[in-house]
């Protein structure tokens, strides 16, 4: 019985070393993390929504990029396959999954500094954005970099 108990820590050590070696043998490394939001612009609101993206949204993203909160961001459009489908994608790139921890605590002061909105004004701006578009869904994607 005593010999078996002594073998358990040794077995755990060997298993740990094997998993470390296995991680080094992977044909990829983990890269950036993309948060993708699928947006459906309401009829007649495309230009107005893009104007918001080109003003407040862009200023916020640039401030977050400069502060190192995000790596990059981009906006894509697409044709809709059906009426309820999305027609725009917002993509924000973060360094890694850890960059999402306490994100709100780091991003909100930057957003407030850029827009200078009071909490009431920020709530109103959110209502106005929602009048232009619907959030259809989203994904969190991790890039893998092939070796």
N, C-alpha and C. Protein backbone atom coordinates (compact mmCIF):
# COMPACT_ATOMS: atom_id res chain seq x y z
N UNK A 1 0.83 -1.19 0.00
CA UNK A 1 0.00 0.00 0.00
C UNK A 1 0.87 1.25 0.00
N UNK A 2 1.91 1.24 0.82
CA UNK A 2 2.81 2.38 0.90
C UNK A 2 3.48 2.66 -0.44
N UNK A 3 3.88 1.61 -1.14
CA UNK A 3 4.53 1.78 -2.43
C UNK A 3 3.58 2.40 -3.45
N UNK A 4 2.32 2.01 -3.39
CA UNK A 4 1.34 2.58 -4.31
C UNK A 4 1.18 4.07 -4.07
N UNK A 5 1.12 4.49 -2.80
CA UNK A 5 0.96 5.91 -2.48
C UNK A 5 2.17 6.73 -2.94
N UNK A 6 3.36 6.12 -2.87
CA UNK A 6 4.56 6.82 -3.33
C UNK A 6 4.57 6.95 -4.85
N UNK A 7 3.95 6.03 -5.53
CA UNK A 7 3.94 6.06 -6.99
C UNK A 7 2.97 7.10 -7.55
N UNK A 8 1.95 7.49 -6.77
CA UNK A 8 0.96 8.45 -7.25
C UNK A 8 1.61 9.80 -7.60
N UNK A 9 2.41 10.41 -6.70
CA UNK A 9 3.03 11.69 -7.08
C UNK A 9 3.96 11.55 -8.28
N UNK A 10 4.67 10.45 -8.39
CA UNK A 10 5.56 10.22 -9.52
C UNK A 10 4.74 10.13 -10.81
N UNK A 11 3.63 9.41 -10.75
CA UNK A 11 2.77 9.27 -11.93
C UNK A 11 2.20 10.63 -12.35
N UNK A 12 1.81 11.44 -11.36
CA UNK A 12 1.29 12.77 -11.68
C UNK A 12 2.37 13.65 -12.30
N UNK A 13 3.60 13.55 -11.79
CA UNK A 13 4.70 14.32 -12.35
C UNK A 13 4.97 13.92 -13.79
N UNK A 14 5.00 12.63 -14.06
CA UNK A 14 5.24 12.14 -15.42
C UNK A 14 4.12 12.57 -16.35
N UNK A 15 2.87 12.50 -15.88
CA UNK A 15 1.73 12.92 -16.70
C UNK A 15 1.81 14.41 -17.01
N UNK A 16 2.22 15.20 -16.02
CA UNK A 16 2.36 16.64 -16.23
C UNK A 16 3.44 16.95 -17.25
N UNK A 17 4.56 16.26 -17.18
CA UNK A 17 5.63 16.47 -18.14
C UNK A 17 5.19 16.04 -19.54
N UNK A 18 4.43 14.96 -19.62
CA UNK A 18 3.95 14.48 -20.91
C UNK A 18 2.99 15.48 -21.53
N UNK A 19 2.12 16.10 -20.71
CA UNK A 19 1.18 17.07 -21.27
C UNK A 19 1.91 18.33 -21.71
N UNK A 20 2.97 18.71 -21.01
CA UNK A 20 3.76 19.86 -21.43
C UNK A 20 4.45 19.56 -22.75
N UNK A 21 5.00 18.37 -22.86
CA UNK A 21 5.65 17.99 -24.11
C UNK A 21 4.63 17.93 -25.24
N UNK A 22 3.43 17.44 -24.94
CA UNK A 22 2.37 17.38 -25.95
C UNK A 22 1.99 18.76 -26.45
N UNK A 23 1.94 19.75 -25.55
CA UNK A 23 1.60 21.10 -25.95
C UNK A 23 2.67 21.66 -26.89
N UNK A 24 3.92 21.31 -26.66
CA UNK A 24 5.00 21.79 -27.52
C UNK A 24 4.96 21.13 -28.89
N UNK A 25 4.36 19.95 -28.97
CA UNK A 25 4.29 19.22 -30.23
C UNK A 25 3.09 19.62 -31.10
N UNK A 26 2.24 20.49 -30.59
CA UNK A 26 1.06 20.89 -31.36
C UNK A 26 1.51 21.60 -32.64
N UNK A 27 0.76 21.41 -33.72
CA UNK A 27 1.13 22.04 -35.00
C UNK A 27 0.65 23.49 -35.10
N UNK A 28 0.33 24.12 -33.98
CA UNK A 28 -0.15 25.49 -33.98
C UNK A 28 0.16 26.17 -32.64
N UNK A 29 0.05 27.48 -32.64
CA UNK A 29 0.07 28.24 -31.39
C UNK A 29 -1.23 29.04 -31.34
N UNK A 30 -1.64 29.36 -30.13
CA UNK A 30 -2.87 30.13 -29.97
C UNK A 30 -2.58 31.60 -30.22
N UNK A 31 -3.43 32.22 -31.01
CA UNK A 31 -3.24 33.62 -31.38
C UNK A 31 -4.27 34.53 -30.75
N UNK A 32 -4.59 35.57 -31.46
CA UNK A 32 -5.54 36.57 -31.00
C UNK A 32 -6.95 35.99 -30.85
N UNK A 33 -7.79 36.76 -30.18
CA UNK A 33 -9.19 36.41 -30.00
C UNK A 33 -10.04 37.47 -30.67
N UNK A 34 -10.98 37.04 -31.48
CA UNK A 34 -11.90 37.97 -32.16
C UNK A 34 -13.28 37.84 -31.54
N UNK A 35 -13.87 38.97 -31.23
CA UNK A 35 -15.27 39.00 -30.81
C UNK A 35 -16.04 39.56 -32.00
N UNK A 36 -16.93 38.75 -32.53
CA UNK A 36 -17.66 39.08 -33.75
C UNK A 36 -19.13 39.29 -33.39
N UNK A 37 -19.67 40.42 -33.81
CA UNK A 37 -21.09 40.72 -33.59
C UNK A 37 -21.79 40.78 -34.94
N UNK A 38 -22.89 40.03 -35.04
CA UNK A 38 -23.69 40.02 -36.26
C UNK A 38 -24.84 41.01 -36.09
N UNK A 39 -24.93 41.97 -36.99
CA UNK A 39 -25.88 43.07 -36.88
C UNK A 39 -26.80 43.07 -38.10
N UNK A 40 -28.08 43.33 -37.85
CA UNK A 40 -29.03 43.53 -38.95
C UNK A 40 -29.43 45.00 -38.92
N UNK A 41 -29.03 45.73 -39.95
CA UNK A 41 -29.39 47.15 -40.05
C UNK A 41 -30.85 47.22 -40.50
N UNK A 42 -31.62 48.03 -39.82
CA UNK A 42 -33.03 48.16 -40.16
C UNK A 42 -33.17 48.92 -41.48
N UNK A 43 -34.23 48.64 -42.23
CA UNK A 43 -34.44 49.30 -43.53
C UNK A 43 -34.36 50.82 -43.41
N UNK A 44 -33.63 51.41 -44.35
CA UNK A 44 -33.50 52.87 -44.39
C UNK A 44 -32.51 53.46 -43.39
N UNK A 45 -31.85 52.62 -42.61
CA UNK A 45 -30.97 53.12 -41.55
C UNK A 45 -29.48 52.88 -41.83
N UNK A 46 -29.14 52.33 -42.98
CA UNK A 46 -27.76 51.96 -43.24
C UNK A 46 -26.81 53.16 -43.12
N UNK A 47 -27.10 54.24 -43.85
CA UNK A 47 -26.22 55.41 -43.84
C UNK A 47 -26.12 56.03 -42.45
N UNK A 48 -27.23 56.10 -41.76
CA UNK A 48 -27.23 56.68 -40.40
C UNK A 48 -26.39 55.82 -39.45
N UNK A 49 -26.52 54.50 -39.55
CA UNK A 49 -25.75 53.62 -38.67
C UNK A 49 -24.26 53.68 -39.02
N UNK A 50 -23.93 53.72 -40.30
CA UNK A 50 -22.53 53.82 -40.70
C UNK A 50 -21.94 55.15 -40.24
N UNK A 51 -22.75 56.20 -40.22
CA UNK A 51 -22.27 57.48 -39.71
C UNK A 51 -21.91 57.36 -38.23
N UNK A 52 -22.75 56.65 -37.45
CA UNK A 52 -22.41 56.40 -36.04
C UNK A 52 -21.10 55.63 -35.95
N UNK A 53 -20.94 54.60 -36.78
CA UNK A 53 -19.71 53.81 -36.74
C UNK A 53 -18.49 54.68 -37.07
N UNK A 54 -18.66 55.60 -38.00
CA UNK A 54 -17.55 56.46 -38.42
C UNK A 54 -17.25 57.58 -37.43
N UNK A 55 -18.12 57.78 -36.46
CA UNK A 55 -17.89 58.85 -35.48
C UNK A 55 -17.61 58.24 -34.11
N UNK A 56 -18.62 58.12 -33.27
CA UNK A 56 -18.41 57.66 -31.88
C UNK A 56 -17.76 56.29 -31.80
N UNK A 57 -18.26 55.33 -32.57
CA UNK A 57 -17.71 53.97 -32.51
C UNK A 57 -16.22 53.97 -32.87
N UNK A 58 -15.88 54.64 -33.96
CA UNK A 58 -14.49 54.69 -34.40
C UNK A 58 -13.61 55.37 -33.36
N UNK A 59 -14.07 56.46 -32.78
CA UNK A 59 -13.30 57.16 -31.75
C UNK A 59 -13.05 56.25 -30.55
N UNK A 60 -14.08 55.52 -30.14
CA UNK A 60 -13.94 54.60 -28.99
C UNK A 60 -12.96 53.50 -29.33
N UNK A 61 -13.11 52.89 -30.50
CA UNK A 61 -12.20 51.80 -30.89
C UNK A 61 -10.75 52.29 -30.99
N UNK A 62 -10.55 53.47 -31.54
CA UNK A 62 -9.19 54.02 -31.67
C UNK A 62 -8.59 54.30 -30.29
N UNK A 63 -9.40 54.80 -29.35
CA UNK A 63 -8.92 55.05 -27.98
C UNK A 63 -8.55 53.74 -27.30
N UNK A 64 -9.38 52.70 -27.49
CA UNK A 64 -9.09 51.40 -26.89
C UNK A 64 -7.84 50.78 -27.52
N UNK A 65 -7.68 50.99 -28.80
CA UNK A 65 -6.49 50.47 -29.50
C UNK A 65 -5.23 51.17 -28.98
N UNK A 66 -5.29 52.48 -28.87
CA UNK A 66 -4.15 53.26 -28.39
C UNK A 66 -3.79 52.87 -26.96
N UNK A 67 -4.79 52.57 -26.14
CA UNK A 67 -4.56 52.19 -24.74
C UNK A 67 -4.16 50.72 -24.58
N UNK A 68 -4.18 49.96 -25.67
CA UNK A 68 -3.80 48.55 -25.61
C UNK A 68 -4.91 47.63 -25.14
N UNK A 69 -6.13 48.14 -25.05
CA UNK A 69 -7.26 47.29 -24.64
C UNK A 69 -7.62 46.33 -25.77
N UNK A 70 -7.56 46.83 -27.02
CA UNK A 70 -7.82 45.98 -28.18
C UNK A 70 -6.61 46.02 -29.10
N UNK A 71 -6.52 45.04 -29.97
CA UNK A 71 -5.46 44.99 -30.98
C UNK A 71 -5.92 45.70 -32.24
N UNK A 72 -7.17 45.45 -32.65
CA UNK A 72 -7.68 46.05 -33.88
C UNK A 72 -9.20 45.87 -33.92
N UNK A 73 -9.82 46.44 -34.93
CA UNK A 73 -11.26 46.31 -35.13
C UNK A 73 -11.54 46.45 -36.62
N UNK A 74 -12.69 45.97 -37.05
CA UNK A 74 -13.09 46.12 -38.44
C UNK A 74 -14.60 45.99 -38.57
N UNK A 75 -15.10 46.45 -39.71
CA UNK A 75 -16.53 46.42 -40.01
C UNK A 75 -16.69 45.81 -41.39
N UNK A 76 -17.63 44.88 -41.53
CA UNK A 76 -17.90 44.21 -42.80
C UNK A 76 -19.38 44.30 -43.11
N UNK A 77 -19.71 44.38 -44.39
CA UNK A 77 -21.10 44.28 -44.81
C UNK A 77 -21.28 43.01 -45.63
N UNK A 78 -22.52 42.57 -45.72
CA UNK A 78 -22.84 41.37 -46.47
C UNK A 78 -24.28 41.47 -46.95
N UNK A 79 -24.56 40.78 -48.03
CA UNK A 79 -25.95 40.68 -48.45
C UNK A 79 -26.67 39.73 -47.51
N UNK A 80 -27.95 39.96 -47.32
CA UNK A 80 -28.76 39.09 -46.47
C UNK A 80 -29.26 37.91 -47.28
N UNK A 81 -29.19 36.73 -46.68
CA UNK A 81 -29.71 35.55 -47.36
C UNK A 81 -31.22 35.41 -47.18
N UNK A 82 -31.75 35.99 -46.09
CA UNK A 82 -33.18 36.01 -45.83
C UNK A 82 -33.48 37.24 -44.98
N UNK A 83 -34.73 37.57 -44.81
CA UNK A 83 -35.13 38.81 -44.16
C UNK A 83 -34.57 38.96 -42.74
N UNK A 84 -34.50 37.90 -41.99
CA UNK A 84 -34.03 37.97 -40.61
C UNK A 84 -32.53 37.85 -40.45
N UNK A 85 -31.80 37.75 -41.55
CA UNK A 85 -30.36 37.53 -41.54
C UNK A 85 -29.62 38.83 -41.21
N UNK A 86 -28.39 38.70 -40.80
CA UNK A 86 -27.53 39.86 -40.54
C UNK A 86 -27.01 40.41 -41.85
N UNK A 87 -26.63 41.69 -41.83
CA UNK A 87 -26.04 42.30 -43.02
C UNK A 87 -24.79 43.12 -42.70
N UNK A 88 -24.35 43.04 -41.44
CA UNK A 88 -23.11 43.71 -41.05
C UNK A 88 -22.46 42.91 -39.94
N UNK A 89 -21.13 42.92 -39.95
CA UNK A 89 -20.35 42.27 -38.90
C UNK A 89 -19.39 43.30 -38.31
N UNK A 90 -19.38 43.37 -36.98
CA UNK A 90 -18.39 44.16 -36.27
C UNK A 90 -17.42 43.17 -35.64
N UNK A 91 -16.14 43.38 -35.87
CA UNK A 91 -15.12 42.45 -35.35
C UNK A 91 -14.13 43.25 -34.52
N UNK A 92 -13.90 42.81 -33.28
CA UNK A 92 -12.92 43.44 -32.41
C UNK A 92 -11.91 42.37 -32.02
N UNK A 93 -10.62 42.70 -32.18
CA UNK A 93 -9.55 41.75 -31.93
C UNK A 93 -8.87 42.08 -30.60
N UNK A 94 -8.72 41.04 -29.77
CA UNK A 94 -8.04 41.15 -28.48
C UNK A 94 -6.79 40.28 -28.52
N UNK A 95 -5.82 40.60 -27.68
CA UNK A 95 -4.55 39.88 -27.67
C UNK A 95 -4.74 38.40 -27.35
N UNK A 96 -5.61 38.10 -26.38
CA UNK A 96 -5.84 36.73 -25.94
C UNK A 96 -7.13 36.68 -25.12
N UNK A 97 -7.48 35.50 -24.63
CA UNK A 97 -8.70 35.35 -23.84
C UNK A 97 -8.62 36.17 -22.55
N UNK A 98 -7.44 36.26 -21.96
CA UNK A 98 -7.28 37.01 -20.71
C UNK A 98 -7.64 38.48 -20.90
N UNK A 99 -7.50 39.00 -22.10
CA UNK A 99 -7.82 40.40 -22.37
C UNK A 99 -9.31 40.68 -22.18
N UNK A 100 -10.14 39.64 -22.16
CA UNK A 100 -11.57 39.82 -21.95
C UNK A 100 -11.93 39.93 -20.47
N UNK A 101 -11.00 39.53 -19.58
CA UNK A 101 -11.25 39.63 -18.15
C UNK A 101 -11.32 41.09 -17.73
N UNK A 102 -12.36 41.46 -17.00
CA UNK A 102 -12.55 42.83 -16.51
C UNK A 102 -12.50 43.86 -17.64
N UNK A 103 -12.93 43.48 -18.80
CA UNK A 103 -12.89 44.35 -19.96
C UNK A 103 -13.69 45.63 -19.74
N UNK A 104 -14.84 45.49 -19.15
CA UNK A 104 -15.71 46.64 -18.92
C UNK A 104 -15.01 47.70 -18.06
N UNK A 105 -14.26 47.24 -17.05
CA UNK A 105 -13.56 48.17 -16.16
C UNK A 105 -12.50 48.99 -16.91
N UNK A 106 -11.91 48.41 -17.94
CA UNK A 106 -10.89 49.11 -18.72
C UNK A 106 -11.49 49.93 -19.86
N UNK A 107 -12.59 49.44 -20.45
CA UNK A 107 -13.16 50.09 -21.63
C UNK A 107 -14.07 51.27 -21.29
N UNK A 108 -14.87 51.15 -20.25
CA UNK A 108 -15.84 52.21 -19.94
C UNK A 108 -15.20 53.58 -19.70
N UNK A 109 -14.09 53.67 -18.94
CA UNK A 109 -13.48 55.00 -18.78
C UNK A 109 -13.02 55.60 -20.11
N UNK A 110 -12.52 54.76 -21.00
CA UNK A 110 -12.10 55.25 -22.32
C UNK A 110 -13.30 55.72 -23.12
N UNK A 111 -14.38 54.94 -23.08
CA UNK A 111 -15.59 55.32 -23.81
C UNK A 111 -16.14 56.64 -23.28
N UNK A 112 -16.15 56.78 -21.98
CA UNK A 112 -16.66 58.03 -21.39
C UNK A 112 -15.75 59.20 -21.75
N UNK A 113 -14.44 58.97 -21.75
CA UNK A 113 -13.50 60.03 -22.11
C UNK A 113 -13.66 60.49 -23.54
N UNK A 114 -14.01 59.57 -24.42
CA UNK A 114 -14.16 59.91 -25.84
C UNK A 114 -15.49 60.60 -26.11
N UNK A 115 -16.57 60.03 -25.58
CA UNK A 115 -17.90 60.58 -25.88
C UNK A 115 -18.31 61.68 -24.92
N UNK A 116 -17.76 61.64 -23.70
CA UNK A 116 -18.10 62.59 -22.65
C UNK A 116 -19.60 62.55 -22.33
N UNK A 117 -20.22 61.37 -22.50
CA UNK A 117 -21.63 61.20 -22.20
C UNK A 117 -21.82 60.96 -20.70
N UNK A 118 -22.87 61.54 -20.16
CA UNK A 118 -23.31 61.18 -18.81
C UNK A 118 -23.94 59.78 -18.91
N UNK A 119 -24.16 59.10 -17.79
CA UNK A 119 -24.84 57.79 -17.87
C UNK A 119 -26.20 57.88 -18.57
N UNK A 120 -26.91 58.96 -18.37
CA UNK A 120 -28.21 59.13 -19.03
C UNK A 120 -28.04 59.31 -20.54
N UNK A 121 -27.05 60.08 -20.94
CA UNK A 121 -26.79 60.29 -22.36
C UNK A 121 -26.32 58.99 -23.02
N UNK A 122 -25.51 58.22 -22.32
CA UNK A 122 -25.05 56.93 -22.85
C UNK A 122 -26.23 55.99 -23.05
N UNK A 123 -27.16 55.98 -22.10
CA UNK A 123 -28.36 55.14 -22.22
C UNK A 123 -29.20 55.59 -23.41
N UNK A 124 -29.34 56.89 -23.60
CA UNK A 124 -30.10 57.41 -24.73
C UNK A 124 -29.43 57.05 -26.05
N UNK A 125 -28.11 57.15 -26.11
CA UNK A 125 -27.38 56.80 -27.33
C UNK A 125 -27.58 55.32 -27.67
N UNK A 126 -27.62 54.48 -26.65
CA UNK A 126 -27.86 53.05 -26.86
C UNK A 126 -29.26 52.82 -27.44
N UNK A 127 -30.24 53.54 -26.93
CA UNK A 127 -31.61 53.43 -27.44
C UNK A 127 -31.65 53.86 -28.91
N UNK A 128 -30.93 54.94 -29.23
CA UNK A 128 -30.91 55.43 -30.61
C UNK A 128 -30.22 54.43 -31.55
N UNK A 129 -29.14 53.78 -31.08
CA UNK A 129 -28.49 52.75 -31.91
C UNK A 129 -29.43 51.58 -32.14
N UNK A 130 -30.14 51.18 -31.10
CA UNK A 130 -31.07 50.05 -31.23
C UNK A 130 -32.23 50.37 -32.17
N UNK A 131 -32.53 51.63 -32.38
CA UNK A 131 -33.57 52.02 -33.34
C UNK A 131 -33.08 51.83 -34.77
N UNK A 132 -31.76 51.77 -34.95
CA UNK A 132 -31.18 51.63 -36.29
C UNK A 132 -30.85 50.20 -36.65
N UNK A 133 -30.66 49.35 -35.64
CA UNK A 133 -30.17 48.00 -35.92
C UNK A 133 -30.61 47.03 -34.83
N UNK A 134 -30.52 45.75 -35.17
CA UNK A 134 -30.76 44.67 -34.22
C UNK A 134 -29.49 43.84 -34.13
N UNK A 135 -29.12 43.47 -32.92
CA UNK A 135 -28.01 42.54 -32.73
C UNK A 135 -28.58 41.13 -32.95
N UNK A 136 -28.07 40.43 -33.96
CA UNK A 136 -28.60 39.13 -34.33
C UNK A 136 -27.88 38.00 -33.60
N UNK A 137 -26.61 38.20 -33.29
CA UNK A 137 -25.84 37.17 -32.61
C UNK A 137 -24.38 37.55 -32.57
N UNK A 138 -23.58 36.61 -32.12
CA UNK A 138 -22.15 36.88 -32.05
C UNK A 138 -21.37 35.61 -31.78
N UNK A 139 -20.08 35.73 -31.87
CA UNK A 139 -19.16 34.62 -31.63
C UNK A 139 -17.88 35.16 -31.02
N UNK A 140 -17.23 34.30 -30.26
CA UNK A 140 -15.87 34.56 -29.80
C UNK A 140 -15.00 33.51 -30.50
N UNK A 141 -14.03 33.98 -31.26
CA UNK A 141 -13.18 33.11 -32.06
C UNK A 141 -11.74 33.24 -31.60
N UNK A 142 -11.04 32.11 -31.53
CA UNK A 142 -9.62 32.15 -31.24
C UNK A 142 -8.86 31.77 -32.49
N UNK A 143 -7.91 32.61 -32.86
CA UNK A 143 -7.07 32.31 -34.00
C UNK A 143 -6.06 31.23 -33.60
N UNK A 144 -5.83 30.31 -34.51
CA UNK A 144 -4.70 29.39 -34.32
C UNK A 144 -3.72 29.66 -35.44
N UNK A 145 -2.46 29.75 -35.07
CA UNK A 145 -1.41 30.05 -36.02
C UNK A 145 -0.68 28.77 -36.32
N UNK A 146 -0.77 28.33 -37.55
CA UNK A 146 -0.13 27.09 -37.95
C UNK A 146 1.39 27.27 -37.97
N UNK A 147 2.07 26.27 -37.46
CA UNK A 147 3.54 26.35 -37.39
C UNK A 147 4.19 26.09 -38.73
